[in-house]
Each structure stands twice: as structure tokens, then as C-alpha cells.
Amino acid sequence: MGYREDLAQRERAILNRLEAARWAGSAEVIPLQRELACVEGLLAEVEGRIQALLAALPEAEVLMGLPGVGPQVAAAPALLPPHLWGRAKAAASYAGLIPEREESGKSVERSWLSRKGPPLLRRKLFMGALVAVRHDPGMRAFYHRLLSRGKRKKQALVAVAHKLLRRRMGRLREHYAGQSLQGVA
């Protein structure tokens, strides 16, 4: 997952350099095009492997059933330690999607996102929240309800990401509970 992100950043950097070289009329364009083709090939290979892994996991099918969850967001729980799968509060805390407060004596209480845990996981969940707000009527209503109560857009999106993660952990818990019930019967 992290390697894919590194390749995507490298691809973007090469595309930016390529555009700058074209504008400048530089002869540097041909080596950049070769490098870009190499990085795009690696990126396609890595994305193919991610797709193959997701196809082999029954949990991925459960997660991708939610609106706003595509292959990249469905692979995000792989960044969570396995003992947190299905445990919504612990997963949200690990991902850093919980508020952290500062209270001391007479000082004014301040609150911010804790940002503990892997930034890549938060980034994937945030992008999933953007998609969910557009395509999931329930999440869109939740987002607009938060905005109407005075939350800033980014705060509301983080709350949607938090809710998405908790929903996904609930789905995993249900999936595992269903498996254990099938094994008993």
C-alpha cells in the first residue's frame, strides 16, 4: 500500500517535470518519457497485485459493499493491526480520527484531531469520506447536519471518515460473527 503511494507520487513528480520541460522546450523530454513509462508499468503491476489480493479476501467484498469504498479504501484496513479488525472504537483511535482535548486550569479548552497512527490510513479514509459525501445519501445528510451545527467542512469530513471506519469495522465484526455461526451449525 505504501509502495503504491510512493509510485503515485513519483509519477506525479515526473509528469510535473515533463510539463515544465515541454514548456521550456528542453531536450530532457525523451528521458522523462522513458522514466514515466517505467513508473507507470510498476504502478500498474502493484495495482494489479492489490486487486488480486482484494479478490482473494472475503473481507474485501464485505467492505466494498459500502458506498464510497473502492479498492484503495477497502485495502486501507490492511494498515490496521489484525487485532483491531472489527473493533470500531479501537480502530478509530488507532487511526487518529478521534478528537484530543487540552484542558489546563483556567485556559480555554481546545480540541484537535489526534493524528496518531499511520497518516496513509487517515488519507485513504478521508478520500473515502469525500466520495461517500457525494454518493451515499446517509453520509451526505450526516455531513450537512454537521455543517448546519457550525462545524467547518474539514471537521465534518473527518467525522464522516470516522463514521465510515466505524461502519466498516462493524461490517467486519458481522462478517466474522457470521462465519463463526456457520462453523457451529
N, C-alpha and C. Protein backbone atom coordinates (compact mmCIF):
# COMPACT_ATOMS: atom_id res chain seq x y z
N MET A 1 0.83 -1.18 0.00
CA MET A 1 0.00 0.00 0.00
C MET A 1 0.88 1.26 0.00
N GLY A 2 1.88 1.28 0.86
CA GLY A 2 2.78 2.43 0.92
C GLY A 2 3.61 2.55 -0.34
N TYR A 3 4.02 1.41 -0.90
CA TYR A 3 4.81 1.41 -2.13
C TYR A 3 3.99 1.98 -3.28
N ARG A 4 2.71 1.65 -3.32
CA ARG A 4 1.83 2.19 -4.36
C ARG A 4 1.76 3.70 -4.26
N GLU A 5 1.66 4.20 -3.02
CA GLU A 5 1.61 5.66 -2.82
C GLU A 5 2.91 6.32 -3.25
N ASP A 6 4.04 5.68 -2.96
CA ASP A 6 5.34 6.22 -3.39
C ASP A 6 5.42 6.29 -4.91
N LEU A 7 4.95 5.23 -5.58
CA LEU A 7 4.96 5.23 -7.04
C LEU A 7 4.03 6.30 -7.62
N ALA A 8 2.87 6.48 -6.99
CA ALA A 8 1.93 7.51 -7.48
C ALA A 8 2.53 8.90 -7.32
N GLN A 9 3.23 9.14 -6.21
CA GLN A 9 3.89 10.44 -6.02
C GLN A 9 5.00 10.63 -7.04
N ARG A 10 5.75 9.56 -7.30
CA ARG A 10 6.83 9.64 -8.29
C ARG A 10 6.27 9.93 -9.68
N GLU A 11 5.15 9.28 -10.02
CA GLU A 11 4.51 9.52 -11.31
C GLU A 11 4.09 10.99 -11.44
N ARG A 12 3.49 11.54 -10.38
CA ARG A 12 3.07 12.93 -10.40
C ARG A 12 4.27 13.86 -10.57
N ALA A 13 5.38 13.56 -9.88
CA ALA A 13 6.58 14.40 -9.98
C ALA A 13 7.15 14.37 -11.40
N ILE A 14 7.16 13.19 -12.02
CA ILE A 14 7.67 13.08 -13.39
C ILE A 14 6.75 13.84 -14.35
N LEU A 15 5.45 13.71 -14.17
CA LEU A 15 4.51 14.43 -15.03
C LEU A 15 4.71 15.94 -14.91
N ASN A 16 4.95 16.42 -13.70
CA ASN A 16 5.20 17.85 -13.50
C ASN A 16 6.49 18.28 -14.18
N ARG A 17 7.55 17.48 -14.04
CA ARG A 17 8.83 17.81 -14.69
C ARG A 17 8.69 17.76 -16.20
N LEU A 18 7.91 16.80 -16.69
CA LEU A 18 7.69 16.66 -18.13
C LEU A 18 6.96 17.88 -18.69
N GLU A 19 5.95 18.34 -17.97
CA GLU A 19 5.22 19.53 -18.41
C GLU A 19 6.13 20.76 -18.40
N ALA A 20 6.93 20.89 -17.36
CA ALA A 20 7.86 22.03 -17.29
C ALA A 20 8.89 21.98 -18.41
N ALA A 21 9.38 20.77 -18.73
CA ALA A 21 10.36 20.62 -19.81
C ALA A 21 9.74 20.95 -21.16
N ARG A 22 8.50 20.56 -21.36
CA ARG A 22 7.82 20.88 -22.63
C ARG A 22 7.61 22.38 -22.79
N TRP A 23 7.24 23.03 -21.71
CA TRP A 23 7.05 24.49 -21.76
C TRP A 23 8.37 25.20 -22.03
N ALA A 24 9.45 24.68 -21.50
CA ALA A 24 10.76 25.31 -21.67
C ALA A 24 11.40 24.93 -23.00
N GLY A 25 10.83 23.94 -23.69
CA GLY A 25 11.41 23.50 -24.96
C GLY A 25 12.69 22.71 -24.75
N SER A 26 12.80 22.03 -23.65
CA SER A 26 14.00 21.30 -23.27
C SER A 26 14.08 19.96 -24.00
N ALA A 27 15.32 19.48 -24.18
CA ALA A 27 15.54 18.17 -24.80
C ALA A 27 15.42 17.05 -23.77
N GLU A 28 15.10 17.40 -22.55
CA GLU A 28 15.00 16.45 -21.44
C GLU A 28 13.73 15.61 -21.50
N VAL A 29 12.87 15.86 -22.49
CA VAL A 29 11.55 15.24 -22.56
C VAL A 29 11.64 13.73 -22.78
N ILE A 30 12.50 13.27 -23.66
CA ILE A 30 12.56 11.84 -24.01
C ILE A 30 12.99 10.98 -22.82
N PRO A 31 14.05 11.33 -22.07
CA PRO A 31 14.38 10.51 -20.89
C PRO A 31 13.26 10.51 -19.85
N LEU A 32 12.57 11.63 -19.71
CA LEU A 32 11.46 11.69 -18.76
C LEU A 32 10.31 10.80 -19.20
N GLN A 33 10.07 10.72 -20.50
CA GLN A 33 9.01 9.85 -21.00
C GLN A 33 9.32 8.39 -20.73
N ARG A 34 10.61 8.00 -20.87
CA ARG A 34 11.01 6.63 -20.56
C ARG A 34 10.83 6.33 -19.08
N GLU A 35 11.25 7.28 -18.25
CA GLU A 35 11.10 7.10 -16.80
C GLU A 35 9.62 7.01 -16.42
N LEU A 36 8.80 7.83 -17.04
CA LEU A 36 7.37 7.81 -16.77
C LEU A 36 6.76 6.46 -17.16
N ALA A 37 7.15 5.93 -18.31
CA ALA A 37 6.64 4.63 -18.75
C ALA A 37 7.03 3.53 -17.77
N CYS A 38 8.24 3.60 -17.25
CA CYS A 38 8.72 2.61 -16.27
C CYS A 38 7.89 2.69 -14.98
N VAL A 39 7.70 3.90 -14.48
CA VAL A 39 6.94 4.09 -13.24
C VAL A 39 5.48 3.69 -13.44
N GLU A 40 4.90 4.04 -14.59
CA GLU A 40 3.51 3.65 -14.87
C GLU A 40 3.36 2.13 -14.93
N GLY A 41 4.37 1.44 -15.51
CA GLY A 41 4.35 -0.02 -15.56
C GLY A 41 4.39 -0.62 -14.16
N LEU A 42 5.28 -0.09 -13.31
CA LEU A 42 5.37 -0.57 -11.92
C LEU A 42 4.06 -0.31 -11.17
N LEU A 43 3.50 0.87 -11.40
CA LEU A 43 2.25 1.23 -10.72
C LEU A 43 1.11 0.30 -11.15
N ALA A 44 1.03 0.00 -12.43
CA ALA A 44 0.00 -0.92 -12.92
C ALA A 44 0.19 -2.31 -12.32
N GLU A 45 1.44 -2.75 -12.21
CA GLU A 45 1.73 -4.06 -11.61
C GLU A 45 1.31 -4.11 -10.14
N VAL A 46 1.65 -3.07 -9.40
CA VAL A 46 1.30 -3.02 -7.98
C VAL A 46 -0.21 -2.97 -7.81
N GLU A 47 -0.91 -2.16 -8.61
CA GLU A 47 -2.37 -2.08 -8.52
C GLU A 47 -3.01 -3.42 -8.89
N GLY A 48 -2.42 -4.13 -9.84
CA GLY A 48 -2.91 -5.47 -10.19
C GLY A 48 -2.76 -6.44 -9.03
N ARG A 49 -1.64 -6.34 -8.32
CA ARG A 49 -1.43 -7.20 -7.15
C ARG A 49 -2.42 -6.86 -6.03
N ILE A 50 -2.66 -5.58 -5.85
CA ILE A 50 -3.64 -5.17 -4.82
C ILE A 50 -5.02 -5.72 -5.18
N GLN A 51 -5.40 -5.60 -6.45
CA GLN A 51 -6.70 -6.13 -6.90
C GLN A 51 -6.77 -7.64 -6.67
N ALA A 52 -5.67 -8.35 -6.97
CA ALA A 52 -5.67 -9.81 -6.78
C ALA A 52 -5.80 -10.17 -5.31
N LEU A 53 -5.12 -9.43 -4.44
CA LEU A 53 -5.24 -9.68 -3.00
C LEU A 53 -6.66 -9.41 -2.51
N LEU A 54 -7.24 -8.32 -2.98
CA LEU A 54 -8.61 -8.00 -2.57
C LEU A 54 -9.60 -9.05 -3.07
N ALA A 55 -9.37 -9.57 -4.26
CA ALA A 55 -10.27 -10.59 -4.81
C ALA A 55 -10.19 -11.88 -3.99
N ALA A 56 -9.03 -12.14 -3.38
CA ALA A 56 -8.86 -13.37 -2.60
C ALA A 56 -9.41 -13.24 -1.18
N LEU A 57 -9.64 -12.03 -0.71
CA LEU A 57 -10.10 -11.83 0.67
C LEU A 57 -11.62 -11.67 0.72
N PRO A 58 -12.32 -12.51 1.46
CA PRO A 58 -13.77 -12.33 1.58
C PRO A 58 -14.12 -11.05 2.34
N GLU A 59 -13.21 -10.57 3.20
CA GLU A 59 -13.46 -9.32 3.93
C GLU A 59 -13.55 -8.13 2.99
N ALA A 60 -12.77 -8.15 1.91
CA ALA A 60 -12.76 -7.04 0.97
C ALA A 60 -14.12 -6.90 0.28
N GLU A 61 -14.74 -8.03 -0.04
CA GLU A 61 -16.06 -7.99 -0.67
C GLU A 61 -17.08 -7.35 0.27
N VAL A 62 -16.97 -7.67 1.55
CA VAL A 62 -17.87 -7.10 2.55
C VAL A 62 -17.67 -5.59 2.63
N LEU A 63 -16.40 -5.15 2.63
CA LEU A 63 -16.10 -3.73 2.76
C LEU A 63 -16.47 -2.94 1.51
N MET A 64 -16.27 -3.53 0.34
CA MET A 64 -16.54 -2.80 -0.90
C MET A 64 -18.04 -2.68 -1.17
N GLY A 65 -18.87 -3.30 -0.36
CA GLY A 65 -20.31 -3.15 -0.49
C GLY A 65 -20.82 -1.82 0.01
N LEU A 66 -19.98 -1.09 0.74
CA LEU A 66 -20.38 0.22 1.25
C LEU A 66 -20.15 1.30 0.21
N PRO A 67 -21.04 2.30 0.11
CA PRO A 67 -20.80 3.42 -0.81
C PRO A 67 -19.56 4.19 -0.37
N GLY A 68 -18.75 4.59 -1.34
CA GLY A 68 -17.55 5.36 -1.04
C GLY A 68 -16.34 4.49 -0.78
N VAL A 69 -16.49 3.19 -0.92
CA VAL A 69 -15.38 2.28 -0.66
C VAL A 69 -15.01 1.58 -1.96
N GLY A 70 -13.88 1.98 -2.51
CA GLY A 70 -13.33 1.34 -3.70
C GLY A 70 -12.14 0.50 -3.29
N PRO A 71 -11.38 0.03 -4.27
CA PRO A 71 -10.24 -0.84 -3.95
C PRO A 71 -9.21 -0.19 -3.03
N GLN A 72 -8.91 1.08 -3.25
CA GLN A 72 -7.89 1.74 -2.42
C GLN A 72 -8.36 1.89 -0.98
N VAL A 73 -9.61 2.26 -0.79
CA VAL A 73 -10.14 2.46 0.56
C VAL A 73 -10.39 1.10 1.22
N ALA A 74 -10.79 0.10 0.43
CA ALA A 74 -11.01 -1.23 1.00
C ALA A 74 -9.71 -1.84 1.49
N ALA A 75 -8.60 -1.49 0.86
CA ALA A 75 -7.29 -2.02 1.27
C ALA A 75 -6.75 -1.30 2.49
N ALA A 76 -7.33 -0.17 2.86
CA ALA A 76 -6.83 0.62 3.99
C ALA A 76 -6.82 -0.13 5.32
N PRO A 77 -7.82 -0.98 5.63
CA PRO A 77 -7.74 -1.70 6.90
C PRO A 77 -6.52 -2.61 7.02
N ALA A 78 -5.85 -2.88 5.90
CA ALA A 78 -4.61 -3.65 5.98
C ALA A 78 -3.56 -2.90 6.77
N LEU A 79 -3.74 -1.59 6.90
CA LEU A 79 -2.81 -0.77 7.69
C LEU A 79 -3.11 -0.86 9.18
N LEU A 80 -4.26 -1.45 9.52
CA LEU A 80 -4.61 -1.65 10.93
C LEU A 80 -4.04 -2.97 11.41
N PRO A 81 -3.59 -3.03 12.66
CA PRO A 81 -3.19 -4.34 13.20
C PRO A 81 -4.39 -5.29 13.21
N PRO A 82 -4.18 -6.56 12.91
CA PRO A 82 -5.30 -7.50 12.82
C PRO A 82 -6.15 -7.59 14.09
N HIS A 83 -5.57 -7.36 15.25
CA HIS A 83 -6.36 -7.47 16.48
C HIS A 83 -7.39 -6.34 16.61
N LEU A 84 -7.29 -5.30 15.76
CA LEU A 84 -8.27 -4.21 15.80
C LEU A 84 -9.42 -4.40 14.81
N TRP A 85 -9.31 -5.38 13.92
CA TRP A 85 -10.36 -5.59 12.92
C TRP A 85 -11.65 -5.95 13.63
N GLY A 86 -12.70 -5.22 13.34
CA GLY A 86 -13.99 -5.46 13.96
C GLY A 86 -14.19 -4.70 15.25
N ARG A 87 -13.18 -4.02 15.75
CA ARG A 87 -13.30 -3.23 16.98
C ARG A 87 -13.30 -1.75 16.59
N ALA A 88 -14.49 -1.19 16.46
CA ALA A 88 -14.68 0.14 15.88
C ALA A 88 -13.98 1.25 16.66
N LYS A 89 -14.21 1.32 17.97
CA LYS A 89 -13.62 2.40 18.75
C LYS A 89 -12.10 2.33 18.78
N ALA A 90 -11.57 1.14 18.94
CA ALA A 90 -10.12 0.97 18.98
C ALA A 90 -9.50 1.30 17.63
N ALA A 91 -10.17 0.92 16.54
CA ALA A 91 -9.65 1.20 15.20
C ALA A 91 -9.65 2.71 14.93
N ALA A 92 -10.72 3.40 15.33
CA ALA A 92 -10.79 4.86 15.13
C ALA A 92 -9.71 5.56 15.96
N SER A 93 -9.46 5.06 17.15
CA SER A 93 -8.42 5.64 17.99
C SER A 93 -7.05 5.41 17.38
N TYR A 94 -6.80 4.19 16.90
CA TYR A 94 -5.52 3.87 16.28
C TYR A 94 -5.28 4.72 15.03
N ALA A 95 -6.35 4.94 14.25
CA ALA A 95 -6.22 5.70 13.01
C ALA A 95 -6.02 7.19 13.26
N GLY A 96 -6.26 7.64 14.49
CA GLY A 96 -6.08 9.06 14.79
C GLY A 96 -7.26 9.91 14.38
N LEU A 97 -8.43 9.31 14.31
CA LEU A 97 -9.64 10.04 13.90
C LEU A 97 -10.50 10.43 15.09
N ILE A 98 -9.89 10.60 16.23
CA ILE A 98 -10.63 11.00 17.42
C ILE A 98 -10.12 12.36 17.88
N PRO A 99 -10.98 13.14 18.51
CA PRO A 99 -10.52 14.46 18.98
C PRO A 99 -9.64 14.31 20.23
N GLU A 100 -8.69 15.20 20.33
CA GLU A 100 -7.84 15.26 21.51
C GLU A 100 -8.07 16.63 22.13
N ARG A 101 -8.25 16.67 23.42
CA ARG A 101 -8.58 17.93 24.10
C ARG A 101 -7.44 18.38 24.98
N GLU A 102 -7.36 19.69 25.14
CA GLU A 102 -6.38 20.28 26.05
C GLU A 102 -7.14 21.13 27.06
N GLU A 103 -7.05 20.74 28.30
CA GLU A 103 -7.69 21.49 29.37
C GLU A 103 -6.66 21.67 30.48
N SER A 104 -6.47 22.90 30.90
CA SER A 104 -5.50 23.15 31.95
C SER A 104 -5.90 24.39 32.73
N GLY A 105 -6.22 24.21 33.98
CA GLY A 105 -6.54 25.34 34.85
C GLY A 105 -7.62 26.22 34.27
N LYS A 106 -7.28 27.51 34.09
CA LYS A 106 -8.24 28.48 33.58
C LYS A 106 -8.19 28.63 32.07
N SER A 107 -7.31 27.88 31.41
CA SER A 107 -7.17 28.04 29.96
C SER A 107 -8.42 27.55 29.24
N VAL A 108 -8.61 28.07 28.08
CA VAL A 108 -9.76 27.71 27.26
C VAL A 108 -9.51 26.32 26.68
N GLU A 109 -10.54 25.51 26.68
CA GLU A 109 -10.44 24.17 26.13
C GLU A 109 -10.26 24.24 24.62
N ARG A 110 -9.28 23.49 24.13
CA ARG A 110 -9.07 23.41 22.69
C ARG A 110 -9.16 21.96 22.28
N SER A 111 -9.57 21.73 21.06
CA SER A 111 -9.71 20.37 20.57
C SER A 111 -9.14 20.30 19.16
N TRP A 112 -8.48 19.19 18.85
CA TRP A 112 -7.95 18.97 17.52
C TRP A 112 -7.90 17.47 17.25
N LEU A 113 -7.63 17.11 16.02
CA LEU A 113 -7.52 15.72 15.63
C LEU A 113 -6.25 15.14 16.21
N SER A 114 -6.30 13.96 16.77
CA SER A 114 -5.14 13.41 17.47
C SER A 114 -3.99 13.10 16.51
N ARG A 115 -4.27 12.64 15.32
CA ARG A 115 -3.27 12.32 14.30
C ARG A 115 -2.27 11.24 14.74
N LYS A 116 -2.69 10.39 15.63
CA LYS A 116 -1.86 9.25 16.00
C LYS A 116 -2.15 8.16 14.99
N GLY A 117 -1.21 7.32 14.74
CA GLY A 117 -1.41 6.24 13.78
C GLY A 117 -0.89 6.61 12.41
N PRO A 118 -1.06 5.70 11.45
CA PRO A 118 -0.48 5.91 10.11
C PRO A 118 -1.20 7.01 9.32
N PRO A 119 -0.46 7.99 8.82
CA PRO A 119 -1.07 9.05 8.01
C PRO A 119 -1.70 8.52 6.72
N LEU A 120 -1.13 7.47 6.16
CA LEU A 120 -1.68 6.90 4.93
C LEU A 120 -3.09 6.37 5.17
N LEU A 121 -3.32 5.76 6.31
CA LEU A 121 -4.66 5.26 6.66
C LEU A 121 -5.65 6.42 6.75
N ARG A 122 -5.26 7.50 7.44
CA ARG A 122 -6.15 8.67 7.54
C ARG A 122 -6.43 9.27 6.17
N ARG A 123 -5.40 9.33 5.32
CA ARG A 123 -5.58 9.89 3.98
C ARG A 123 -6.57 9.07 3.17
N LYS A 124 -6.46 7.74 3.22
CA LYS A 124 -7.38 6.88 2.48
C LYS A 124 -8.81 7.02 3.02
N LEU A 125 -8.94 7.08 4.33
CA LEU A 125 -10.27 7.24 4.92
C LEU A 125 -10.88 8.60 4.58
N PHE A 126 -10.04 9.65 4.55
CA PHE A 126 -10.52 10.98 4.20
C PHE A 126 -11.01 11.00 2.75
N MET A 127 -10.27 10.36 1.85
CA MET A 127 -10.69 10.32 0.45
C MET A 127 -11.99 9.51 0.31
N GLY A 128 -12.10 8.44 1.09
CA GLY A 128 -13.35 7.67 1.10
C GLY A 128 -14.52 8.52 1.59
N ALA A 129 -14.23 9.39 2.57
CA ALA A 129 -15.28 10.28 3.10
C ALA A 129 -15.73 11.27 2.03
N LEU A 130 -14.80 11.79 1.24
CA LEU A 130 -15.17 12.71 0.15
C LEU A 130 -16.12 12.02 -0.83
N VAL A 131 -15.81 10.78 -1.18
CA VAL A 131 -16.65 10.04 -2.12
C VAL A 131 -18.00 9.71 -1.47
N ALA A 132 -17.98 9.32 -0.21
CA ALA A 132 -19.23 8.94 0.48
C ALA A 132 -20.18 10.14 0.59
N VAL A 133 -19.64 11.32 0.83
CA VAL A 133 -20.48 12.51 0.94
C VAL A 133 -21.19 12.79 -0.39
N ARG A 134 -20.54 12.44 -1.49
CA ARG A 134 -21.14 12.67 -2.80
C ARG A 134 -22.16 11.59 -3.19
N HIS A 135 -21.88 10.33 -2.79
CA HIS A 135 -22.67 9.22 -3.33
C HIS A 135 -23.55 8.48 -2.33
N ASP A 136 -23.35 8.69 -1.05
CA ASP A 136 -24.15 8.00 -0.03
C ASP A 136 -25.10 9.01 0.61
N PRO A 137 -26.41 8.86 0.38
CA PRO A 137 -27.36 9.85 0.92
C PRO A 137 -27.30 9.97 2.45
N GLY A 138 -27.07 8.87 3.14
CA GLY A 138 -26.99 8.93 4.60
C GLY A 138 -25.78 9.73 5.07
N MET A 139 -24.64 9.50 4.44
CA MET A 139 -23.43 10.24 4.81
C MET A 139 -23.54 11.71 4.40
N ARG A 140 -24.18 11.95 3.27
CA ARG A 140 -24.38 13.34 2.83
C ARG A 140 -25.24 14.08 3.85
N ALA A 141 -26.30 13.45 4.33
CA ALA A 141 -27.17 14.07 5.34
C ALA A 141 -26.40 14.30 6.64
N PHE A 142 -25.59 13.33 7.05
CA PHE A 142 -24.77 13.47 8.26
C PHE A 142 -23.80 14.64 8.12
N TYR A 143 -23.15 14.74 6.97
CA TYR A 143 -22.20 15.82 6.68
C TYR A 143 -22.89 17.18 6.75
N HIS A 144 -24.04 17.31 6.10
CA HIS A 144 -24.75 18.60 6.09
C HIS A 144 -25.32 18.94 7.47
N ARG A 145 -25.70 17.93 8.23
CA ARG A 145 -26.16 18.17 9.60
C ARG A 145 -25.02 18.74 10.44
N LEU A 146 -23.82 18.22 10.26
CA LEU A 146 -22.67 18.75 10.99
C LEU A 146 -22.36 20.19 10.56
N LEU A 147 -22.45 20.45 9.26
CA LEU A 147 -22.21 21.82 8.77
C LEU A 147 -23.24 22.79 9.33
N SER A 148 -24.49 22.35 9.41
CA SER A 148 -25.54 23.23 9.93
C SER A 148 -25.35 23.52 11.43
N ARG A 149 -24.65 22.64 12.13
CA ARG A 149 -24.38 22.86 13.56
C ARG A 149 -23.11 23.69 13.78
N GLY A 150 -22.52 24.19 12.70
CA GLY A 150 -21.39 25.10 12.84
C GLY A 150 -20.01 24.47 12.67
N LYS A 151 -19.94 23.20 12.29
CA LYS A 151 -18.64 22.57 12.06
C LYS A 151 -18.07 23.06 10.74
N ARG A 152 -16.74 23.14 10.70
CA ARG A 152 -16.08 23.50 9.45
C ARG A 152 -16.11 22.28 8.52
N LYS A 153 -15.92 22.53 7.22
CA LYS A 153 -16.03 21.46 6.23
C LYS A 153 -15.04 20.32 6.52
N LYS A 154 -13.81 20.67 6.85
CA LYS A 154 -12.82 19.64 7.10
C LYS A 154 -13.17 18.84 8.35
N GLN A 155 -13.67 19.51 9.38
CA GLN A 155 -14.09 18.80 10.60
C GLN A 155 -15.22 17.83 10.28
N ALA A 156 -16.16 18.27 9.46
CA ALA A 156 -17.28 17.40 9.10
C ALA A 156 -16.80 16.21 8.27
N LEU A 157 -15.84 16.43 7.37
CA LEU A 157 -15.31 15.33 6.58
C LEU A 157 -14.55 14.33 7.44
N VAL A 158 -13.83 14.81 8.43
CA VAL A 158 -13.13 13.89 9.35
C VAL A 158 -14.15 13.09 10.14
N ALA A 159 -15.24 13.72 10.54
CA ALA A 159 -16.30 12.99 11.25
C ALA A 159 -16.92 11.92 10.35
N VAL A 160 -17.07 12.23 9.06
CA VAL A 160 -17.58 11.24 8.11
C VAL A 160 -16.58 10.10 7.96
N ALA A 161 -15.29 10.42 7.88
CA ALA A 161 -14.26 9.39 7.79
C ALA A 161 -14.29 8.49 9.03
N HIS A 162 -14.46 9.10 10.19
CA HIS A 162 -14.56 8.35 11.44
C HIS A 162 -15.76 7.40 11.38
N LYS A 163 -16.88 7.93 10.93
CA LYS A 163 -18.10 7.12 10.85
C LYS A 163 -17.93 5.99 9.82
N LEU A 164 -17.27 6.28 8.70
CA LEU A 164 -17.01 5.25 7.70
C LEU A 164 -16.17 4.12 8.27
N LEU A 165 -15.11 4.49 8.99
CA LEU A 165 -14.25 3.47 9.58
C LEU A 165 -15.02 2.63 10.58
N ARG A 166 -15.83 3.28 11.39
CA ARG A 166 -16.61 2.53 12.38
C ARG A 166 -17.63 1.62 11.70
N ARG A 167 -18.24 2.09 10.62
CA ARG A 167 -19.18 1.25 9.86
C ARG A 167 -18.46 0.03 9.30
N ARG A 168 -17.28 0.26 8.75
CA ARG A 168 -16.52 -0.83 8.15
C ARG A 168 -16.10 -1.84 9.21
N MET A 169 -15.71 -1.37 10.37
CA MET A 169 -15.35 -2.29 11.44
C MET A 169 -16.57 -3.08 11.91
N GLY A 170 -17.73 -2.43 11.91
CA GLY A 170 -18.97 -3.14 12.25
C GLY A 170 -19.29 -4.22 11.22
N ARG A 171 -19.08 -3.89 9.95
CA ARG A 171 -19.29 -4.87 8.89
C ARG A 171 -18.36 -6.07 9.06
N LEU A 172 -17.09 -5.78 9.39
CA LEU A 172 -16.14 -6.88 9.61
C LEU A 172 -16.56 -7.73 10.80
N ARG A 173 -17.02 -7.09 11.87
CA ARG A 173 -17.46 -7.83 13.06
C ARG A 173 -18.63 -8.74 12.69
N GLU A 174 -19.59 -8.20 11.93
CA GLU A 174 -20.73 -9.01 11.49
C GLU A 174 -20.27 -10.17 10.61
N HIS A 175 -19.32 -9.89 9.73
CA HIS A 175 -18.80 -10.92 8.83
C HIS A 175 -18.16 -12.05 9.63
N TYR A 176 -17.33 -11.69 10.60
CA TYR A 176 -16.66 -12.72 11.42
C TYR A 176 -17.66 -13.45 12.29
N ALA A 177 -18.67 -12.75 12.80
CA ALA A 177 -19.69 -13.41 13.63
C ALA A 177 -20.48 -14.40 12.77
N GLY A 178 -20.77 -14.02 11.54
CA GLY A 178 -21.49 -14.91 10.62
C GLY A 178 -20.68 -16.15 10.30
N GLN A 179 -19.38 -15.99 10.18
CA GLN A 179 -18.51 -17.14 9.90
C GLN A 179 -18.48 -18.10 11.07
N SER A 180 -18.42 -17.55 12.29
CA SER A 180 -18.36 -18.44 13.45
C SER A 180 -19.70 -19.15 13.64
N LEU A 181 -20.80 -18.50 13.30
CA LEU A 181 -22.11 -19.14 13.41
C LEU A 181 -22.25 -20.25 12.36
N GLN A 182 -21.69 -20.03 11.15
CA GLN A 182 -21.77 -21.04 10.12
C GLN A 182 -20.93 -22.27 10.49
N GLY A 183 -19.79 -22.01 11.17
CA GLY A 183 -18.93 -23.11 11.60
C GLY A 183 -19.58 -23.96 12.67
N VAL A 184 -20.47 -23.37 13.49
CA VAL A 184 -21.15 -24.10 14.57
C VAL A 184 -22.28 -24.94 14.02
N ALA A 185 -22.98 -24.45 13.02
CA ALA A 185 -24.17 -25.12 12.50
C ALA A 185 -23.87 -26.36 11.72
